[in-house]
């Protein structure tokens, strides 16, 4: 079975995080309170970074966007990363 475009993006993100030596977790959205949480929760060099992975022109849902905005409002870095803007995450990992 071929990997979906979003799975391919997540694989690229994991490689960047591993190469940078970042700690990360990938929470599973369930009915127990994690729905809408970004795909990656990262701690790197004392900073909190959240990444929502999307493929192509896909956009975060309203619930996902709410979580990203709440993270930004509390001083965290919240990104939506796809195949075309992987450099945004690279810059945060320097």
N, C-alpha and C. Protein backbone atom coordinates (compact mmCIF):
# COMPACT_ATOMS: atom_id res chain seq x y z
N UNK A 1 0.85 -1.18 0.00
CA UNK A 1 0.00 0.00 0.00
C UNK A 1 0.90 1.25 0.00
N UNK A 2 0.60 2.18 -0.87
CA UNK A 2 1.41 3.40 -0.98
C UNK A 2 1.08 4.37 0.16
N UNK A 3 2.10 5.12 0.57
CA UNK A 3 1.91 6.12 1.62
C UNK A 3 1.11 7.30 1.07
N UNK A 4 0.25 7.85 1.91
CA UNK A 4 -0.53 9.02 1.51
C UNK A 4 0.39 10.24 1.46
N UNK A 5 0.00 11.29 0.74
CA UNK A 5 0.83 12.50 0.71
C UNK A 5 1.12 13.06 2.10
N UNK A 6 0.14 13.04 3.00
CA UNK A 6 0.38 13.57 4.35
C UNK A 6 1.37 12.70 5.12
N UNK A 7 1.32 11.39 4.94
CA UNK A 7 2.27 10.50 5.59
C UNK A 7 3.69 10.82 5.11
N UNK A 8 3.83 11.14 3.83
CA UNK A 8 5.14 11.50 3.29
C UNK A 8 5.65 12.79 3.93
N UNK A 9 4.78 13.75 4.14
CA UNK A 9 5.16 15.00 4.80
C UNK A 9 5.59 14.71 6.23
N UNK A 10 4.85 13.90 6.94
CA UNK A 10 5.20 13.55 8.32
C UNK A 10 6.56 12.84 8.38
N UNK A 11 6.85 12.01 7.41
CA UNK A 11 8.14 11.33 7.37
C UNK A 11 9.27 12.34 7.21
N UNK A 12 9.09 13.34 6.35
CA UNK A 12 10.09 14.39 6.16
C UNK A 12 10.28 15.19 7.45
N UNK A 13 9.18 15.50 8.13
CA UNK A 13 9.25 16.25 9.38
C UNK A 13 10.01 15.44 10.43
N UNK A 14 9.69 14.15 10.56
CA UNK A 14 10.40 13.31 11.53
C UNK A 14 11.90 13.29 11.26
N UNK A 15 12.29 13.22 10.00
CA UNK A 15 13.72 13.22 9.66
C UNK A 15 14.38 14.52 10.10
N UNK A 16 13.73 15.65 9.82
CA UNK A 16 14.27 16.95 10.25
C UNK A 16 14.44 16.99 11.77
N UNK A 17 13.43 16.53 12.49
CA UNK A 17 13.48 16.55 13.95
C UNK A 17 14.56 15.62 14.49
N UNK A 18 14.67 14.44 13.90
CA UNK A 18 15.70 13.50 14.33
C UNK A 18 17.09 14.07 14.06
N UNK A 19 17.29 14.63 12.88
CA UNK A 19 18.58 15.22 12.51
C UNK A 19 18.97 16.37 13.44
N UNK A 20 17.96 17.12 13.92
CA UNK A 20 18.21 18.26 14.81
C UNK A 20 18.37 17.83 16.27
N UNK A 21 18.08 16.57 16.58
CA UNK A 21 18.15 16.11 17.96
C UNK A 21 17.02 16.62 18.83
N UNK A 22 15.89 16.93 18.21
CA UNK A 22 14.73 17.47 18.94
C UNK A 22 13.95 16.34 19.61
N UNK A 23 13.36 16.66 20.76
CA UNK A 23 12.39 15.76 21.37
C UNK A 23 11.04 16.05 20.72
N UNK A 24 10.31 15.00 20.39
CA UNK A 24 8.96 15.23 19.86
C UNK A 24 8.05 14.07 20.20
N UNK A 25 6.77 14.38 20.23
CA UNK A 25 5.72 13.38 20.42
C UNK A 25 4.66 13.62 19.37
N UNK A 26 4.01 12.54 18.99
CA UNK A 26 2.94 12.62 18.00
C UNK A 26 1.66 12.12 18.66
N UNK A 27 0.89 13.04 19.28
CA UNK A 27 -0.32 12.61 19.98
C UNK A 27 -1.36 12.06 19.01
N UNK A 28 -2.10 11.10 19.49
CA UNK A 28 -3.17 10.51 18.69
C UNK A 28 -4.48 11.18 19.09
N UNK A 29 -5.15 11.78 18.12
CA UNK A 29 -6.43 12.42 18.40
C UNK A 29 -7.50 11.37 18.67
N UNK A 30 -8.14 11.47 19.81
CA UNK A 30 -9.17 10.51 20.17
C UNK A 30 -10.35 11.26 20.77
N UNK A 31 -11.32 10.55 21.16
CA UNK A 31 -12.47 11.14 21.83
C UNK A 31 -12.19 11.49 23.28
N UNK A 32 -10.96 11.30 23.74
CA UNK A 32 -10.61 11.54 25.14
C UNK A 32 -9.87 12.85 25.33
N UNK A 33 -10.10 13.84 24.49
CA UNK A 33 -9.55 15.16 24.74
C UNK A 33 -8.41 15.61 23.87
N UNK A 34 -7.93 14.79 22.92
CA UNK A 34 -6.82 15.19 22.08
C UNK A 34 -7.22 15.63 20.68
N UNK A 35 -8.46 15.68 20.37
CA UNK A 35 -8.89 16.06 19.03
C UNK A 35 -8.40 17.47 18.70
N UNK A 36 -7.83 17.59 17.52
CA UNK A 36 -7.38 18.90 17.05
C UNK A 36 -5.97 19.28 17.47
N UNK A 37 -5.34 18.49 18.36
CA UNK A 37 -3.97 18.78 18.79
C UNK A 37 -3.04 18.59 17.59
N UNK A 38 -2.04 19.47 17.43
CA UNK A 38 -1.14 19.35 16.28
C UNK A 38 -0.47 17.97 16.20
N UNK A 39 -0.05 17.60 15.00
CA UNK A 39 0.54 16.29 14.75
C UNK A 39 1.85 16.07 15.50
N UNK A 40 2.63 17.13 15.69
CA UNK A 40 3.91 17.03 16.39
C UNK A 40 3.97 18.06 17.51
N UNK A 41 4.34 17.62 18.70
CA UNK A 41 4.61 18.51 19.82
C UNK A 41 6.11 18.35 20.09
N UNK A 42 6.84 19.46 19.99
CA UNK A 42 8.30 19.42 19.94
C UNK A 42 8.90 20.30 21.03
N UNK A 43 9.98 19.81 21.63
CA UNK A 43 10.79 20.62 22.51
C UNK A 43 12.20 20.63 21.92
N UNK A 44 12.69 21.82 21.59
CA UNK A 44 14.01 21.93 20.99
C UNK A 44 14.69 23.20 21.48
N UNK A 45 15.83 23.03 22.11
CA UNK A 45 16.62 24.15 22.63
C UNK A 45 15.78 25.05 23.54
N UNK A 46 14.96 24.42 24.37
CA UNK A 46 14.16 25.16 25.33
C UNK A 46 12.93 25.84 24.76
N UNK A 47 12.60 25.54 23.53
CA UNK A 47 11.42 26.15 22.90
C UNK A 47 10.36 25.09 22.62
N UNK A 48 9.10 25.52 22.70
CA UNK A 48 7.97 24.65 22.39
C UNK A 48 7.51 24.95 20.98
N UNK A 49 7.49 23.92 20.14
CA UNK A 49 7.08 24.06 18.74
C UNK A 49 6.00 23.02 18.47
N UNK A 50 4.93 23.45 17.86
CA UNK A 50 3.86 22.54 17.45
C UNK A 50 3.76 22.59 15.93
N UNK A 51 3.60 21.43 15.33
CA UNK A 51 3.51 21.36 13.87
C UNK A 51 2.29 20.55 13.47
N UNK A 52 1.48 21.15 12.62
CA UNK A 52 0.37 20.46 11.97
C UNK A 52 0.84 20.15 10.56
N UNK A 53 0.88 18.87 10.20
CA UNK A 53 1.32 18.45 8.87
C UNK A 53 0.13 18.39 7.93
N UNK A 54 0.31 18.96 6.75
CA UNK A 54 -0.72 18.92 5.71
C UNK A 54 -0.05 18.62 4.38
N UNK A 55 -0.78 18.03 3.49
CA UNK A 55 -0.27 17.76 2.15
C UNK A 55 -0.89 18.74 1.16
N UNK A 56 -0.07 19.20 0.23
CA UNK A 56 -0.56 20.07 -0.83
C UNK A 56 -1.18 21.34 -0.29
N UNK A 57 -2.38 21.63 -0.74
CA UNK A 57 -3.06 22.87 -0.35
C UNK A 57 -4.05 22.65 0.79
N UNK A 58 -4.02 21.48 1.42
CA UNK A 58 -4.92 21.21 2.54
C UNK A 58 -4.66 22.21 3.67
N UNK A 59 -5.71 22.59 4.35
CA UNK A 59 -5.64 23.57 5.44
C UNK A 59 -6.08 22.91 6.75
N UNK A 60 -5.65 23.46 7.88
CA UNK A 60 -6.11 22.92 9.17
C UNK A 60 -7.61 23.12 9.33
N UNK A 61 -8.21 22.20 10.07
CA UNK A 61 -9.62 22.35 10.40
C UNK A 61 -9.77 23.50 11.39
N UNK A 62 -10.99 23.91 11.64
CA UNK A 62 -11.23 24.98 12.61
C UNK A 62 -10.71 24.59 13.99
N UNK A 63 -10.90 23.34 14.39
CA UNK A 63 -10.42 22.89 15.70
C UNK A 63 -8.89 22.88 15.74
N UNK A 64 -8.25 22.42 14.68
CA UNK A 64 -6.78 22.44 14.63
C UNK A 64 -6.27 23.87 14.68
N UNK A 65 -6.88 24.76 13.95
CA UNK A 65 -6.46 26.17 13.94
C UNK A 65 -6.63 26.79 15.32
N UNK A 66 -7.68 26.41 16.03
CA UNK A 66 -7.88 26.93 17.38
C UNK A 66 -6.71 26.53 18.28
N UNK A 67 -6.29 25.27 18.19
CA UNK A 67 -5.15 24.81 19.00
C UNK A 67 -3.88 25.57 18.62
N UNK A 68 -3.63 25.75 17.32
CA UNK A 68 -2.44 26.48 16.87
C UNK A 68 -2.45 27.91 17.40
N UNK A 69 -3.60 28.56 17.35
CA UNK A 69 -3.71 29.93 17.84
C UNK A 69 -3.49 30.00 19.34
N UNK A 70 -4.00 29.04 20.08
CA UNK A 70 -3.81 29.02 21.54
C UNK A 70 -2.34 28.84 21.89
N UNK A 71 -1.64 28.01 21.14
CA UNK A 71 -0.20 27.80 21.37
C UNK A 71 0.56 29.10 21.11
N UNK A 72 0.25 29.76 20.01
CA UNK A 72 0.92 31.04 19.68
C UNK A 72 0.64 32.09 20.76
N UNK A 73 -0.60 32.13 21.24
CA UNK A 73 -0.99 33.13 22.25
C UNK A 73 -0.24 32.93 23.57
N UNK A 74 0.27 31.73 23.78
CA UNK A 74 0.99 31.44 25.02
C UNK A 74 2.50 31.41 24.83
N UNK A 75 2.95 31.94 23.69
CA UNK A 75 4.38 32.08 23.45
C UNK A 75 5.04 30.93 22.72
N UNK A 76 4.28 29.92 22.32
CA UNK A 76 4.85 28.81 21.57
C UNK A 76 4.90 29.12 20.09
N UNK A 77 5.59 28.29 19.37
CA UNK A 77 5.68 28.40 17.92
C UNK A 77 4.74 27.35 17.34
N UNK A 78 3.84 27.76 16.47
CA UNK A 78 2.87 26.84 15.88
C UNK A 78 2.91 27.00 14.36
N UNK A 79 3.21 25.91 13.67
CA UNK A 79 3.39 25.94 12.23
C UNK A 79 2.47 24.94 11.54
N UNK A 80 2.09 25.27 10.32
CA UNK A 80 1.43 24.33 9.42
C UNK A 80 2.46 24.05 8.33
N UNK A 81 2.90 22.81 8.23
CA UNK A 81 3.98 22.45 7.32
C UNK A 81 3.46 21.48 6.25
N UNK A 82 3.85 21.78 5.00
CA UNK A 82 3.57 20.87 3.89
C UNK A 82 4.85 20.68 3.08
N UNK A 83 4.74 20.08 1.91
CA UNK A 83 5.91 19.78 1.08
C UNK A 83 6.65 21.04 0.65
N UNK A 84 5.95 22.14 0.54
CA UNK A 84 6.54 23.35 -0.04
C UNK A 84 7.17 24.30 0.96
N UNK A 85 6.89 24.14 2.25
CA UNK A 85 7.41 25.12 3.23
C UNK A 85 8.19 24.46 4.37
N UNK A 86 8.82 23.34 4.07
CA UNK A 86 9.62 22.62 5.07
C UNK A 86 10.72 23.52 5.64
N UNK A 87 11.17 24.51 4.87
CA UNK A 87 12.22 25.43 5.33
C UNK A 87 11.79 26.22 6.57
N UNK A 88 10.49 26.47 6.72
CA UNK A 88 10.02 27.19 7.91
C UNK A 88 10.35 26.41 9.17
N UNK A 89 10.18 25.10 9.12
CA UNK A 89 10.52 24.27 10.28
C UNK A 89 12.03 24.21 10.46
N UNK A 90 12.76 24.07 9.36
CA UNK A 90 14.23 24.03 9.44
C UNK A 90 14.78 25.26 10.15
N UNK A 91 14.22 26.43 9.84
CA UNK A 91 14.67 27.68 10.47
C UNK A 91 14.46 27.66 11.98
N UNK A 92 13.38 27.06 12.42
CA UNK A 92 13.09 27.00 13.86
C UNK A 92 13.99 26.01 14.58
N UNK A 93 14.61 25.10 13.85
CA UNK A 93 15.44 24.07 14.46
C UNK A 93 16.92 24.41 14.47
N UNK A 94 17.28 25.57 13.96
CA UNK A 94 18.69 25.99 13.95
C UNK A 94 19.12 26.42 15.32
